[in-house]
Amino acid sequence: MTQDDAAAPAQQALPRQSFFRLPAPVKRVFDRFPLVTCEENGAPLRSASQDSGNILHLFTTVEEARKGRPSYNPGCLRWQAYLRFAGVEFRTAVSSNHASPTGILPFFMPAAGSPTAQRQVVPSNKMKKWTSTHAARSVNEPSDMRYEAYMSLLESAIRKAWLYQLYLTPANAALVHKLYVAPCSSNPLVQASTSYSLRQAAEAELAKSSYSGAISEMDIFSDAEDAFAALSGLLGSAMWFFEAPSMLDAALFAYTHLILEEGMAWGDNKLGDMMEKHKFLVAHRDRVLSDYF
């Protein structure tokens, strides 16, 4: 038996100290004040105080929110238009993804049932269901097979062209800065990081949706032109795509309004040049803007 073997039993007899074991003084503190699991974050307090009305939280400015003007973000604007179609009364509030309980804008806060009631939050993926039971006017839900097909044009071809034009076109860098970068922080380093992240996210999404993984500006805008032509052909001179306003009308307006809006101050607006060729789509945008905003 070696000297080391003889020492082993004595070492094993000593009480083992767990790596995660708290020192006695610290343990006494936690015994007195035990850890608890906090509940999920509730709705923003500022939105619930002294306001019993419906509130749609989205990307906008203080002045535009006060006037109820369209959001500058197409994902938010489609729901803003959809709720207007449904006759839901609401005001808009400036927000950000960080303020959203789900991390995504928009989100909707229905009026509280009483001054002391906890206000619920309706995320965008549940907003259509909520609207179906609270709408003052019915919103069309077409069973026509063309509905899904044309919605996919908006979600794919036109959305990709929007991402490319806004985030990857150098001439529109100032617009991205004004809308999404400057409101986040005044720190130059934070702004530079935010700009880079936005470009990277747009590039990743466009590359993922490409068969080859390469981003082709020519193909992206060619597909958008074909999509606009198809949507214009479906709409024609009618007021709505399917007899009454639907999500397709709201989603189209969310892009066409921002593409044509002079206040956006586009540096390069290829999509606007395309839109000018499709008078039915321009008329649709003007009509929604005039009647609902």
C-alpha atoms as a PDB file:
ATOM      1  CA  MET A   1       0.000   0.000   0.000  1.00  0.00           C
ATOM      2  CA  THR A   2       1.397   3.367  -0.977  1.00  0.00           C
ATOM      3  CA  GLN A   3       1.316   6.503   1.091  1.00  0.00           C
ATOM      4  CA  ASP A   4      -1.342   7.922  -1.249  1.00  0.00           C
ATOM      5  CA  ASP A   5      -3.579   4.864  -0.766  1.00  0.00           C
ATOM      6  CA  ALA A   6      -3.355   5.245   3.010  1.00  0.00           C
ATOM      7  CA  ALA A   7      -4.419   8.867   2.835  1.00  0.00           C
ATOM      8  CA  ALA A   8      -7.455   8.198   0.661  1.00  0.00           C
ATOM      9  CA  PRO A   9      -9.846   6.924   3.373  1.00  0.00           C
ATOM     10  CA  ALA A  10      -9.104   9.936   5.537  1.00  0.00           C
ATOM     11  CA  GLN A  11      -9.898  12.312   2.608  1.00  0.00           C
ATOM     12  CA  GLN A  12     -13.172  10.548   1.834  1.00  0.00           C
ATOM     13  CA  ALA A  13     -14.273  10.850   5.449  1.00  0.00           C
ATOM     14  CA  LEU A  14     -14.323  14.645   5.153  1.00  0.00           C
ATOM     15  CA  PRO A  15     -17.766  16.179   4.241  1.00  0.00           C
ATOM     16  CA  ARG A  16     -17.897  16.998   0.524  1.00  0.00           C
ATOM     17  CA  GLN A  17     -18.651  20.587  -0.424  1.00  0.00           C
ATOM     18  CA  SER A  18     -20.987  20.994  -3.391  1.00  0.00           C
ATOM     19  CA  PHE A  19     -19.887  23.529  -5.987  1.00  0.00           C
ATOM     20  CA  PHE A  20     -23.375  25.066  -5.800  1.00  0.00           C
ATOM     21  CA  ARG A  21     -23.584  25.048  -1.996  1.00  0.00           C
ATOM     22  CA  LEU A  22     -24.067  28.528  -0.577  1.00  0.00           C
ATOM     23  CA  PRO A  23     -21.848  29.828   2.211  1.00  0.00           C
ATOM     24  CA  ALA A  24     -23.726  29.796   5.521  1.00  0.00           C
ATOM     25  CA  PRO A  25     -24.102  33.623   5.820  1.00  0.00           C
ATOM     26  CA  VAL A  26     -25.525  33.869   2.290  1.00  0.00           C
ATOM     27  CA  LYS A  27     -27.815  30.887   2.835  1.00  0.00           C
ATOM     28  CA  ARG A  28     -29.308  32.559   5.900  1.00  0.00           C
ATOM     29  CA  VAL A  29     -30.191  35.581   3.765  1.00  0.00           C
ATOM     30  CA  PHE A  30     -31.952  33.435   1.141  1.00  0.00           C
ATOM     31  CA  ASP A  31     -33.742  31.452   3.828  1.00  0.00           C
ATOM     32  CA  ARG A  32     -35.131  34.721   5.087  1.00  0.00           C
ATOM     33  CA  PHE A  33     -35.965  36.052   1.621  1.00  0.00           C
ATOM     34  CA  PRO A  34     -36.605  33.003  -0.630  1.00  0.00           C
ATOM     35  CA  LEU A  35     -36.437  33.274  -4.400  1.00  0.00           C
ATOM     36  CA  VAL A  36     -39.735  33.375  -6.234  1.00  0.00           C
ATOM     37  CA  THR A  37     -40.667  32.937  -9.893  1.00  0.00           C
ATOM     38  CA  CYS A  38     -42.075  36.150 -11.275  1.00  0.00           C
ATOM     39  CA  GLU A  39     -45.084  36.221 -13.572  1.00  0.00           C
ATOM     40  CA  GLU A  40     -44.793  37.152 -17.222  1.00  0.00           C
ATOM     41  CA  ASN A  41     -44.532  40.824 -18.041  1.00  0.00           C
ATOM     42  CA  GLY A  42     -47.872  42.505 -18.146  1.00  0.00           C
ATOM     43  CA  ALA A  43     -49.064  45.151 -20.541  1.00  0.00           C
ATOM     44  CA  PRO A  44     -47.195  48.474 -20.611  1.00  0.00           C
ATOM     45  CA  LEU A  45     -48.380  50.558 -17.674  1.00  0.00           C
ATOM     46  CA  ARG A  46     -48.461  53.800 -19.600  1.00  0.00           C
ATOM     47  CA  SER A  47     -51.061  52.393 -21.969  1.00  0.00           C
ATOM     48  CA  ALA A  48     -53.393  51.242 -19.231  1.00  0.00           C
ATOM     49  CA  SER A  49     -53.491  54.352 -17.108  1.00  0.00           C
ATOM     50  CA  GLN A  50     -56.267  56.890 -17.540  1.00  0.00           C
ATOM     51  CA  ASP A  51     -57.355  55.360 -20.832  1.00  0.00           C
ATOM     52  CA  SER A  52     -60.200  52.903 -21.202  1.00  0.00           C
ATOM     53  CA  GLY A  53     -60.247  52.811 -24.993  1.00  0.00           C
ATOM     54  CA  ASN A  54     -58.788  50.305 -27.443  1.00  0.00           C
ATOM     55  CA  ILE A  55     -55.122  50.877 -28.244  1.00  0.00           C
ATOM     56  CA  LEU A  56     -53.081  49.551 -31.172  1.00  0.00           C
ATOM     57  CA  HIS A  57     -49.353  49.611 -30.414  1.00  0.00           C
ATOM     58  CA  LEU A  58     -47.254  49.915 -33.562  1.00  0.00           C
ATOM     59  CA  PHE A  59     -44.357  51.586 -35.322  1.00  0.00           C
ATOM     60  CA  THR A  60     -45.279  55.249 -35.686  1.00  0.00           C
ATOM     61  CA  THR A  61     -44.316  58.697 -34.423  1.00  0.00           C
ATOM     62  CA  VAL A  62     -45.905  60.693 -31.615  1.00  0.00           C
ATOM     63  CA  GLU A  63     -47.436  63.157 -34.056  1.00  0.00           C
ATOM     64  CA  GLU A  64     -48.714  60.504 -36.443  1.00  0.00           C
ATOM     65  CA  ALA A  65     -50.163  58.517 -33.535  1.00  0.00           C
ATOM     66  CA  ARG A  66     -52.013  61.580 -32.314  1.00  0.00           C
ATOM     67  CA  LYS A  67     -53.575  62.012 -35.746  1.00  0.00           C
ATOM     68  CA  GLY A  68     -54.221  58.284 -36.265  1.00  0.00           C
ATOM     69  CA  ARG A  69     -52.182  58.326 -39.451  1.00  0.00           C
ATOM     70  CA  PRO A  70     -50.916  55.139 -41.158  1.00  0.00           C
ATOM     71  CA  SER A  71     -47.915  53.374 -39.667  1.00  0.00           C
ATOM     72  CA  TYR A  72     -44.687  53.458 -41.645  1.00  0.00           C
ATOM     73  CA  ASN A  73     -44.290  49.689 -41.184  1.00  0.00           C
ATOM     74  CA  PRO A  74     -46.278  47.444 -43.572  1.00  0.00           C
ATOM     75  CA  GLY A  75     -46.672  44.673 -40.989  1.00  0.00           C
ATOM     76  CA  CYS A  76     -48.334  47.140 -38.626  1.00  0.00           C
ATOM     77  CA  LEU A  77     -50.243  49.037 -41.281  1.00  0.00           C
ATOM     78  CA  ARG A  78     -52.086  45.950 -42.548  1.00  0.00           C
ATOM     79  CA  TRP A  79     -53.646  45.459 -39.101  1.00  0.00           C
ATOM     80  CA  GLN A  80     -54.340  49.137 -38.733  1.00  0.00           C
ATOM     81  CA  ALA A  81     -56.284  49.037 -42.015  1.00  0.00           C
ATOM     82  CA  TYR A  82     -57.965  45.722 -41.160  1.00  0.00           C
ATOM     83  CA  LEU A  83     -59.309  47.085 -37.873  1.00  0.00           C
ATOM     84  CA  ARG A  84     -60.568  50.176 -39.697  1.00  0.00           C
ATOM     85  CA  PHE A  85     -62.353  47.948 -42.214  1.00  0.00           C
ATOM     86  CA  ALA A  86     -63.995  46.154 -39.273  1.00  0.00           C
ATOM     87  CA  GLY A  87     -65.177  49.413 -37.730  1.00  0.00           C
ATOM     88  CA  VAL A  88     -63.182  48.893 -34.530  1.00  0.00           C
ATOM     89  CA  GLU A  89     -62.615  52.146 -32.654  1.00  0.00           C
ATOM     90  CA  PHE A  90     -59.047  52.520 -31.414  1.00  0.00           C
ATOM     91  CA  ARG A  91     -56.201  54.919 -31.006  1.00  0.00           C
ATOM     92  CA  THR A  92     -52.609  54.228 -31.981  1.00  0.00           C
ATOM     93  CA  ALA A  93     -49.589  54.409 -29.693  1.00  0.00           C
ATOM     94  CA  VAL A  94     -45.872  54.603 -30.384  1.00  0.00           C
ATOM     95  CA  SER A  95     -44.181  51.324 -29.557  1.00  0.00           C
ATOM     96  CA  SER A  96     -41.288  49.017 -30.404  1.00  0.00           C
ATOM     97  CA  ASN A  97     -40.657  45.292 -30.598  1.00  0.00           C
ATOM     98  CA  HIS A  98     -39.009  45.471 -27.176  1.00  0.00           C
ATOM     99  CA  ALA A  99     -42.257  46.751 -25.653  1.00  0.00           C
ATOM    100  CA  SER A 100     -44.347  43.962 -27.162  1.00  0.00           C
ATOM    101  CA  PRO A 101     -45.087  40.978 -24.905  1.00  0.00           C
ATOM    102  CA  THR A 102     -44.368  38.699 -27.882  1.00  0.00           C
ATOM    103  CA  GLY A 103     -41.433  40.716 -29.219  1.00  0.00           C
ATOM    104  CA  ILE A 104     -43.327  41.553 -32.408  1.00  0.00           C
ATOM    105  CA  LEU A 105     -45.421  44.563 -33.397  1.00  0.00           C
ATOM    106  CA  PRO A 106     -48.227  45.324 -33.590  1.00  0.00           C
ATOM    107  CA  PHE A 107     -50.157  44.267 -30.521  1.00  0.00           C
ATOM    108  CA  PHE A 108     -53.630  45.350 -29.514  1.00  0.00           C
ATOM    109  CA  MET A 109     -54.997  46.258 -26.096  1.00  0.00           C
ATOM    110  CA  PRO A 110     -58.791  46.132 -25.888  1.00  0.00           C
ATOM    111  CA  ALA A 111     -60.524  48.527 -23.532  1.00  0.00           C
ATOM    112  CA  ALA A 112     -60.629  47.346 -19.939  1.00  0.00           C
ATOM    113  CA  GLY A 113     -63.982  46.101 -18.688  1.00  0.00           C
ATOM    114  CA  SER A 114     -63.686  48.259 -15.573  1.00  0.00           C
ATOM    115  CA  PRO A 115     -61.223  50.823 -14.148  1.00  0.00           C
ATOM    116  CA  THR A 116     -59.606  48.153 -11.988  1.00  0.00           C
ATOM    117  CA  ALA A 117     -59.614  45.308 -14.518  1.00  0.00           C
ATOM    118  CA  GLN A 118     -56.337  43.926 -15.887  1.00  0.00           C
ATOM    119  CA  ARG A 119     -56.122  44.748 -19.581  1.00  0.00           C
ATOM    120  CA  GLN A 120     -55.524  41.836 -21.899  1.00  0.00           C
ATOM    121  CA  VAL A 121     -53.065  41.897 -24.768  1.00  0.00           C
ATOM    122  CA  VAL A 122     -53.951  40.606 -28.219  1.00  0.00           C
ATOM    123  CA  PRO A 123     -50.845  39.801 -30.309  1.00  0.00           C
ATOM    124  CA  SER A 124     -51.008  40.114 -34.078  1.00  0.00           C
ATOM    125  CA  ASN A 125     -51.429  36.351 -34.587  1.00  0.00           C
ATOM    126  CA  LYS A 126     -54.675  36.464 -32.578  1.00  0.00           C
ATOM    127  CA  MET A 127     -55.967  39.806 -33.777  1.00  0.00           C
ATOM    128  CA  LYS A 128     -58.125  38.402 -36.564  1.00  0.00           C
ATOM    129  CA  LYS A 129     -59.891  36.069 -34.134  1.00  0.00           C
ATOM    130  CA  TRP A 130     -60.484  38.918 -31.690  1.00  0.00           C
ATOM    131  CA  THR A 131     -61.818  41.134 -34.467  1.00  0.00           C
ATOM    132  CA  SER A 132     -64.255  38.464 -35.640  1.00  0.00           C
ATOM    133  CA  THR A 133     -66.178  38.764 -32.357  1.00  0.00           C
ATOM    134  CA  HIS A 134     -65.828  42.515 -31.786  1.00  0.00           C
ATOM    135  CA  ALA A 135     -66.172  44.020 -35.253  1.00  0.00           C
ATOM    136  CA  ALA A 136     -68.823  46.664 -35.881  1.00  0.00           C
ATOM    137  CA  ARG A 137     -68.776  45.709 -39.562  1.00  0.00           C
ATOM    138  CA  SER A 138     -68.103  42.296 -41.025  1.00  0.00           C
ATOM    139  CA  VAL A 139     -64.814  41.858 -42.829  1.00  0.00           C
ATOM    140  CA  ASN A 140     -64.827  39.568 -45.828  1.00  0.00           C
ATOM    141  CA  GLU A 141     -63.123  36.170 -45.463  1.00  0.00           C
ATOM    142  CA  PRO A 142     -63.194  34.853 -49.036  1.00  0.00           C
ATOM    143  CA  SER A 143     -63.452  31.141 -49.676  1.00  0.00           C
ATOM    144  CA  ASP A 144     -62.261  31.766 -53.233  1.00  0.00           C
ATOM    145  CA  MET A 145     -59.122  29.723 -53.936  1.00  0.00           C
ATOM    146  CA  ARG A 146     -57.561  32.769 -55.543  1.00  0.00           C
ATOM    147  CA  TYR A 147     -57.483  34.534 -52.175  1.00  0.00           C
ATOM    148  CA  GLU A 148     -54.610  32.457 -50.769  1.00  0.00           C
ATOM    149  CA  ALA A 149     -52.766  32.505 -54.068  1.00  0.00           C
ATOM    150  CA  TYR A 150     -52.780  36.278 -54.298  1.00  0.00           C
ATOM    151  CA  MET A 151     -51.964  36.685 -50.613  1.00  0.00           C
ATOM    152  CA  SER A 152     -48.869  34.604 -51.270  1.00  0.00           C
ATOM    153  CA  LEU A 153     -47.809  37.088 -53.947  1.00  0.00           C
ATOM    154  CA  LEU A 154     -47.835  39.813 -51.340  1.00  0.00           C
ATOM    155  CA  GLU A 155     -46.033  37.713 -48.745  1.00  0.00           C
ATOM    156  CA  SER A 156     -43.352  36.569 -51.155  1.00  0.00           C
ATOM    157  CA  ALA A 157     -42.678  38.659 -54.252  1.00  0.00           C
ATOM    158  CA  ILE A 158     -43.749  42.090 -53.029  1.00  0.00           C
ATOM    159  CA  ARG A 159     -42.394  41.641 -49.520  1.00  0.00           C
ATOM    160  CA  LYS A 160     -38.990  40.602 -50.883  1.00  0.00           C
ATOM    161  CA  ALA A 161     -38.861  43.642 -53.148  1.00  0.00           C
ATOM    162  CA  TRP A 162     -39.833  45.839 -50.195  1.00  0.00           C
ATOM    163  CA  LEU A 163     -37.030  44.401 -48.058  1.00  0.00           C
ATOM    164  CA  TYR A 164     -34.487  44.876 -50.813  1.00  0.00           C
ATOM    165  CA  GLN A 165     -35.558  48.429 -51.637  1.00  0.00           C
ATOM    166  CA  LEU A 166     -35.699  49.606 -48.038  1.00  0.00           C
ATOM    167  CA  TYR A 167     -32.770  47.845 -46.390  1.00  0.00           C
ATOM    168  CA  LEU A 168     -30.314  46.919 -49.140  1.00  0.00           C
ATOM    169  CA  THR A 169     -30.533  49.899 -51.470  1.00  0.00           C
ATOM    170  CA  PRO A 170     -27.807  52.386 -50.459  1.00  0.00           C
ATOM    171  CA  ALA A 171     -29.875  55.394 -51.537  1.00  0.00           C
ATOM    172  CA  ASN A 172     -32.468  54.505 -48.880  1.00  0.00           C
ATOM    173  CA  ALA A 173     -30.044  54.227 -45.969  1.00  0.00           C
ATOM    174  CA  ALA A 174     -31.130  57.653 -44.677  1.00  0.00           C
ATOM    175  CA  LEU A 175     -34.768  56.513 -44.643  1.00  0.00           C
ATOM    176  CA  VAL A 176     -33.928  53.378 -42.640  1.00  0.00           C
ATOM    177  CA  HIS A 177     -31.959  55.521 -40.218  1.00  0.00           C
ATOM    178  CA  LYS A 178     -34.874  57.899 -39.704  1.00  0.00           C
ATOM    179  CA  LEU A 179     -37.504  55.191 -39.250  1.00  0.00           C
ATOM    180  CA  TYR A 180     -35.747  52.433 -37.337  1.00  0.00           C
ATOM    181  CA  VAL A 181     -32.247  53.446 -36.246  1.00  0.00           C
ATOM    182  CA  ALA A 182     -32.448  56.957 -34.794  1.00  0.00           C
ATOM    183  CA  PRO A 183     -35.518  56.177 -32.614  1.00  0.00           C
ATOM    184  CA  CYS A 184     -33.589  53.348 -30.916  1.00  0.00           C
ATOM    185  CA  SER A 185     -30.646  55.338 -29.624  1.00  0.00           C
ATOM    186  CA  SER A 186     -28.629  58.505 -30.116  1.00  0.00           C
ATOM    187  CA  ASN A 187     -25.383  56.611 -29.494  1.00  0.00           C
ATOM    188  CA  PRO A 188     -23.400  56.321 -32.769  1.00  0.00           C
ATOM    189  CA  LEU A 189     -22.108  52.852 -31.903  1.00  0.00           C
ATOM    190  CA  VAL A 190     -25.582  51.554 -31.121  1.00  0.00           C
ATOM    191  CA  GLN A 191     -26.908  53.114 -34.308  1.00  0.00           C
ATOM    192  CA  ALA A 192     -24.154  51.503 -36.386  1.00  0.00           C
ATOM    193  CA  SER A 193     -24.878  48.127 -34.812  1.00  0.00           C
ATOM    194  CA  THR A 194     -28.612  48.503 -35.395  1.00  0.00           C
ATOM    195  CA  SER A 195     -28.107  49.442 -39.055  1.00  0.00           C
ATOM    196  CA  TYR A 196     -25.857  46.443 -39.571  1.00  0.00           C
ATOM    197  CA  SER A 197     -28.337  44.095 -37.880  1.00  0.00           C
ATOM    198  CA  LEU A 198     -31.208  45.325 -40.041  1.00  0.00           C
ATOM    199  CA  ARG A 199     -29.221  44.802 -43.248  1.00  0.00           C
ATOM    200  CA  GLN A 200     -28.071  41.374 -42.120  1.00  0.00           C
ATOM    201  CA  ALA A 201     -31.611  40.299 -41.249  1.00  0.00           C
ATOM    202  CA  ALA A 202     -32.913  41.453 -44.644  1.00  0.00           C
ATOM    203  CA  GLU A 203     -30.090  39.716 -46.493  1.00  0.00           C
ATOM    204  CA  ALA A 204     -30.648  36.494 -44.563  1.00  0.00           C
ATOM    205  CA  GLU A 205     -34.356  36.450 -45.316  1.00  0.00           C
ATOM    206  CA  LEU A 206     -33.834  37.178 -49.012  1.00  0.00           C
ATOM    207  CA  ALA A 207     -31.084  34.584 -49.336  1.00  0.00           C
ATOM    208  CA  LYS A 208     -33.234  31.982 -47.561  1.00  0.00           C
ATOM    209  CA  SER A 209     -36.089  32.513 -50.016  1.00  0.00           C
ATOM    210  CA  SER A 210     -33.804  32.226 -53.044  1.00  0.00           C
ATOM    211  CA  TYR A 211     -33.396  28.872 -54.752  1.00  0.00           C
ATOM    212  CA  SER A 212     -29.658  29.398 -55.166  1.00  0.00           C
ATOM    213  CA  GLY A 213     -29.077  31.322 -51.958  1.00  0.00           C
ATOM    214  CA  ALA A 214     -27.879  34.292 -54.001  1.00  0.00           C
ATOM    215  CA  ILE A 215     -29.691  37.630 -53.940  1.00  0.00           C
ATOM    216  CA  SER A 216     -30.527  38.923 -57.424  1.00  0.00           C
ATOM    217  CA  GLU A 217     -31.887  42.457 -57.604  1.00  0.00           C
ATOM    218  CA  MET A 218     -33.088  41.891 -61.156  1.00  0.00           C
ATOM    219  CA  ASP A 219     -35.055  38.763 -60.245  1.00  0.00           C
ATOM    220  CA  ILE A 220     -36.532  40.330 -57.108  1.00  0.00           C
ATOM    221  CA  PHE A 221     -37.952  43.347 -58.916  1.00  0.00           C
ATOM    222  CA  SER A 222     -39.041  41.296 -61.913  1.00  0.00           C
ATOM    223  CA  ASP A 223     -41.072  39.055 -59.614  1.00  0.00           C
ATOM    224  CA  ALA A 224     -42.565  42.129 -57.934  1.00  0.00           C
ATOM    225  CA  GLU A 225     -43.597  43.549 -61.303  1.00  0.00           C
ATOM    226  CA  ASP A 226     -45.330  40.289 -62.196  1.00  0.00           C
ATOM    227  CA  ALA A 227     -47.089  40.260 -58.817  1.00  0.00           C
ATOM    228  CA  PHE A 228     -48.365  43.822 -59.242  1.00  0.00           C
ATOM    229  CA  ALA A 229     -49.642  42.982 -62.714  1.00  0.00           C
ATOM    230  CA  ALA A 230     -51.475  39.891 -61.416  1.00  0.00           C
ATOM    231  CA  LEU A 231     -53.051  41.811 -58.514  1.00  0.00           C
ATOM    232  CA  SER A 232     -54.091  44.624 -60.803  1.00  0.00           C
ATOM    233  CA  GLY A 233     -55.689  42.130 -63.178  1.00  0.00           C
ATOM    234  CA  LEU A 234     -57.643  40.518 -60.339  1.00  0.00           C
ATOM    235  CA  LEU A 235     -58.830  43.841 -58.920  1.00  0.00           C
ATOM    236  CA  GLY A 236     -59.658  45.587 -62.174  1.00  0.00           C
ATOM    237  CA  SER A 237     -61.930  48.577 -61.682  1.00  0.00           C
ATOM    238  CA  ALA A 238     -63.711  46.983 -58.702  1.00  0.00           C
ATOM    239  CA  MET A 239     -63.628  48.630 -55.296  1.00  0.00           C
ATOM    240  CA  TRP A 240     -62.421  45.483 -53.514  1.00  0.00           C
ATOM    241  CA  PHE A 241     -60.867  42.208 -54.579  1.00  0.00           C
ATOM    242  CA  PHE A 242     -63.791  40.090 -53.331  1.00  0.00           C
ATOM    243  CA  GLU A 243     -67.004  42.124 -53.002  1.00  0.00           C
ATOM    244  CA  ALA A 244     -66.139  43.494 -49.539  1.00  0.00           C
ATOM    245  CA  PRO A 245     -62.830  44.521 -47.916  1.00  0.00           C
ATOM    246  CA  SER A 246     -60.649  41.638 -46.760  1.00  0.00           C
ATOM    247  CA  MET A 247     -57.168  41.051 -45.404  1.00  0.00           C
ATOM    248  CA  LEU A 248     -55.941  40.999 -48.996  1.00  0.00           C
ATOM    249  CA  ASP A 249     -57.046  44.620 -49.394  1.00  0.00           C
ATOM    250  CA  ALA A 250     -55.434  45.574 -46.081  1.00  0.00           C
ATOM    251  CA  ALA A 251     -52.158  43.798 -46.906  1.00  0.00           C
ATOM    252  CA  LEU A 252     -51.956  45.362 -50.364  1.00  0.00           C
ATOM    253  CA  PHE A 253     -52.655  48.833 -48.995  1.00  0.00           C
ATOM    254  CA  ALA A 254     -49.915  48.343 -46.396  1.00  0.00           C
ATOM    255  CA  TYR A 255     -47.358  48.192 -49.200  1.00  0.00           C
ATOM    256  CA  THR A 256     -48.857  50.411 -51.892  1.00  0.00           C
ATOM    257  CA  HIS A 257     -49.512  53.299 -49.523  1.00  0.00           C
ATOM    258  CA  LEU A 258     -45.945  53.354 -48.223  1.00  0.00           C
ATOM    259  CA  ILE A 259     -44.514  52.923 -51.707  1.00  0.00           C
ATOM    260  CA  LEU A 260     -46.495  55.906 -52.969  1.00  0.00           C
ATOM    261  CA  GLU A 261     -46.365  58.052 -49.819  1.00  0.00           C
ATOM    262  CA  GLU A 262     -44.340  61.201 -50.520  1.00  0.00           C
ATOM    263  CA  GLY A 263     -43.602  61.615 -46.819  1.00  0.00           C
ATOM    264  CA  MET A 264     -41.445  58.502 -46.910  1.00  0.00           C
ATOM    265  CA  ALA A 265     -38.877  60.497 -48.926  1.00  0.00           C
ATOM    266  CA  TRP A 266     -37.514  57.518 -50.819  1.00  0.00           C
ATOM    267  CA  GLY A 267     -34.004  57.935 -52.173  1.00  0.00           C
ATOM    268  CA  ASP A 268     -34.609  55.177 -54.719  1.00  0.00           C
ATOM    269  CA  ASN A 269     -38.156  53.987 -55.383  1.00  0.00           C
ATOM    270  CA  LYS A 270     -38.229  51.354 -58.103  1.00  0.00           C
ATOM    271  CA  LEU A 271     -41.448  49.949 -56.643  1.00  0.00           C
ATOM    272  CA  GLY A 272     -43.059  53.371 -56.978  1.00  0.00           C
ATOM    273  CA  ASP A 273     -42.141  53.472 -60.653  1.00  0.00           C
ATOM    274  CA  MET A 274     -43.804  50.082 -61.068  1.00  0.00           C
ATOM    275  CA  MET A 275     -46.915  51.166 -59.206  1.00  0.00           C
ATOM    276  CA  GLU A 276     -47.483  54.132 -61.507  1.00  0.00           C
ATOM    277  CA  LYS A 277     -48.131  51.663 -64.345  1.00  0.00           C
ATOM    278  CA  HIS A 278     -51.022  50.038 -62.474  1.00  0.00           C
ATOM    279  CA  LYS A 279     -53.775  52.626 -62.127  1.00  0.00           C
ATOM    280  CA  PHE A 280     -56.221  50.185 -60.525  1.00  0.00           C
ATOM    281  CA  LEU A 281     -53.790  49.587 -57.658  1.00  0.00           C
ATOM    282  CA  VAL A 282     -53.118  53.303 -57.273  1.00  0.00           C
ATOM    283  CA  ALA A 283     -56.866  53.983 -57.160  1.00  0.00           C
ATOM    284  CA  HIS A 284     -57.293  51.238 -54.561  1.00  0.00           C
ATOM    285  CA  ARG A 285     -54.648  52.829 -52.352  1.00  0.00           C
ATOM    286  CA  ASP A 286     -56.124  56.301 -52.714  1.00  0.00           C
ATOM    287  CA  ARG A 287     -59.593  55.013 -51.899  1.00  0.00           C
ATOM    288  CA  VAL A 288     -58.547  53.206 -48.720  1.00  0.00           C
ATOM    289  CA  LEU A 289     -56.525  56.212 -47.583  1.00  0.00           C
ATOM    290  CA  SER A 290     -59.415  58.614 -48.172  1.00  0.00           C
ATOM    291  CA  ASP A 291     -62.197  56.467 -46.714  1.00  0.00           C
ATOM    292  CA  TYR A 292     -60.446  54.973 -43.675  1.00  0.00           C
ATOM    293  CA  PHE A 293     -57.673  57.366 -42.693  1.00  0.00           C
END
